[in-house]
Amino acid sequence: MGVKPVFKLTTASGRFIKTTGNHPYLVKKDHGSWMMDDENPRSTIHDPKSEWRKVSELNVGDEIAVPKNDLFRPDTDTIRFDNKEPGLEFFGIDMLEKI
C-alpha cells in the first residue's frame, strides 16, 4: 500500500500504458522468437528467448509483447477475443520508445 511512482510506458508505434514499476512485461531477448504454450495457449509463454521483466528493468529499445488486436474497448469493461485459435495470434511485438 501507500503511494507508488507511476511509469508511462510508450512504444515506437505510439501505444502507451501507465503502470507501476513492479508490473511485469514479456520482453524479447536477443532477437529471439515468441512461442506459446501449446497445452494452454492462454497461460505463460515458454521460450528461452523471452523473459518477464518489471517496468523498472526495461530499457529504451526493448521489444515487448503487445496485443495484436484491439482487445480492450474503451466503451465497456469487456475483452473481445476474435482469434480463431485463441492464444496463437494474441501477441505481436513493439519496441519501446524514448520519451
Protein backbone atom coordinates (compact mmCIF):
# COMPACT_ATOMS: atom_id res chain seq x y z
CA MET A 1 0.00 0.00 0.00
CA GLY A 2 0.99 3.62 0.07
CA VAL A 3 1.98 5.84 -2.80
CA LYS A 4 3.97 4.29 -5.65
CA PRO A 5 5.53 6.00 -8.66
CA VAL A 6 3.67 5.51 -11.93
CA PHE A 7 5.54 5.00 -15.21
CA LYS A 8 4.21 5.79 -18.67
CA LEU A 9 5.42 3.04 -20.99
CA THR A 10 5.32 4.19 -24.63
CA THR A 11 6.11 2.04 -27.66
CA ALA A 12 7.52 3.14 -31.02
CA SER A 13 4.08 2.72 -32.61
CA GLY A 14 2.56 5.15 -30.10
CA ARG A 15 0.83 2.66 -27.80
CA PHE A 16 1.16 3.54 -24.15
CA ILE A 17 0.17 2.37 -20.71
CA LYS A 18 0.56 3.85 -17.25
CA THR A 19 1.79 1.28 -14.76
CA THR A 20 3.71 0.80 -11.52
CA GLY A 21 7.38 -0.21 -11.60
CA ASN A 22 6.78 -3.75 -10.39
CA HIS A 23 4.36 -4.68 -13.21
CA PRO A 24 5.88 -7.43 -15.43
CA TYR A 25 6.05 -7.34 -19.23
CA LEU A 26 7.16 -10.07 -21.63
CA VAL A 27 10.40 -8.95 -23.29
CA LYS A 28 12.06 -10.45 -26.36
CA LYS A 29 15.73 -11.31 -25.78
CA ASP A 30 18.45 -11.14 -28.44
CA HIS A 31 16.16 -11.20 -31.47
CA GLY A 32 14.53 -14.41 -30.28
CA SER A 33 11.15 -15.75 -31.28
CA TRP A 34 7.82 -15.87 -29.47
CA MET A 35 6.35 -19.27 -28.66
CA MET A 36 3.06 -20.07 -26.98
CA ASP A 37 2.49 -22.91 -24.51
CA ASP A 38 0.76 -25.48 -26.77
CA GLU A 39 -1.03 -27.17 -23.87
CA ASN A 40 -2.50 -23.96 -22.51
CA PRO A 41 -2.19 -21.08 -25.00
CA ARG A 42 -3.66 -18.55 -22.58
CA SER A 43 -1.03 -19.18 -19.91
CA THR A 44 2.66 -18.38 -19.72
CA ILE A 45 4.73 -18.09 -22.85
CA HIS A 46 7.65 -20.52 -22.74
CA ASP A 47 10.68 -19.53 -24.78
CA PRO A 48 14.30 -19.21 -23.72
CA LYS A 49 14.47 -16.17 -25.98
CA SER A 50 11.90 -14.21 -23.97
CA GLU A 51 11.59 -13.28 -20.32
CA TRP A 52 9.32 -11.43 -17.91
CA ARG A 53 10.77 -8.13 -16.67
CA LYS A 54 9.40 -5.42 -14.42
CA VAL A 55 8.87 -1.96 -15.89
CA SER A 56 11.70 -0.66 -13.71
CA GLU A 57 14.05 -3.12 -15.51
CA LEU A 58 13.08 -2.14 -19.09
CA ASN A 59 15.28 -0.11 -21.41
CA VAL A 60 14.65 2.01 -24.48
CA GLY A 61 14.73 -0.31 -27.49
CA ASP A 62 13.49 -3.40 -25.63
CA GLU A 63 10.83 -5.28 -27.58
CA ILE A 64 7.75 -6.18 -25.54
CA ALA A 65 4.71 -8.34 -26.29
CA VAL A 66 1.60 -6.32 -27.10
CA PRO A 67 -1.89 -7.42 -28.19
CA LYS A 68 -2.13 -7.58 -31.99
CA ASN A 69 -5.81 -6.62 -31.95
CA ASP A 70 -7.80 -4.01 -30.08
CA LEU A 71 -8.92 -6.37 -27.33
CA PHE A 72 -9.91 -3.67 -24.86
CA ARG A 73 -12.82 -1.47 -25.81
CA PRO A 74 -13.00 1.97 -24.18
CA ASP A 75 -16.81 1.95 -24.03
CA THR A 76 -17.02 -1.23 -21.95
CA ASP A 77 -15.08 -3.25 -19.43
CA THR A 78 -15.20 -6.42 -21.54
CA ILE A 79 -12.44 -8.00 -23.58
CA ARG A 80 -13.04 -9.15 -27.15
CA PHE A 81 -11.24 -12.25 -28.49
CA ASP A 82 -11.59 -12.55 -32.28
CA ASN A 83 -8.89 -15.15 -32.92
CA LYS A 84 -9.96 -18.49 -34.34
CA GLU A 85 -7.20 -20.22 -32.37
CA PRO A 86 -7.01 -18.39 -29.03
CA GLY A 87 -3.52 -17.58 -27.93
CA LEU A 88 -1.75 -18.28 -31.20
CA GLU A 89 -2.07 -14.81 -32.69
CA PHE A 90 -2.57 -12.81 -29.50
CA PHE A 91 0.85 -11.21 -29.24
CA GLY A 92 2.86 -9.04 -31.56
CA ILE A 93 5.97 -7.12 -30.63
CA ASP A 94 6.66 -3.44 -30.34
CA MET A 95 9.80 -1.52 -29.47
CA LEU A 96 10.00 0.85 -26.50
CA GLU A 97 10.49 4.49 -27.40
CA LYS A 98 12.48 7.14 -25.56
CA ILE A 99 10.26 9.98 -24.34
